[in-house]
């Protein structure tokens, strides 16, 4: 398939942008996994991430000139990775830290909205009431 030069340049830019997206999203996954302690949850996140990336990659390749994948596809994904790694990764990780701090600051507001103590109030039922009056040891007879 022979395509025009301007179409080829657009394809190259799209592939480079896809390479940047792919490795940035993998950095987000790594950031999330480092915060999670349970191994089973980590495995679930990784499997979901891979399934989603396969779907996105398939759609990207299919929509890219009706399924036309050039020979240099992997080369320009690697170029996208190098651009991301050399110029954007450090700033992106700082942005992820800032987003995490921001979410931790606003989390109590939303936690209060969704987990209100008035909605999920435990019933205050006492089965055995203690009397405040002490019984005297002396028996008194009433006439």
Foldseek 3Di string as FASTA:
>chain_A
DDDDPVLVVVLLVLLLVVLLVVVLVVVVLVVVLVVDDDPVVNVVSVVVVVVVVVVVVVVSCCPSVNNDDDPCSVVSSVVSVVCCVPPPVVVSVVVVVVVVVVCVVCVVVVCCVVVPCVVVPDDPDDPDDDDPDDDDPDDDDDD
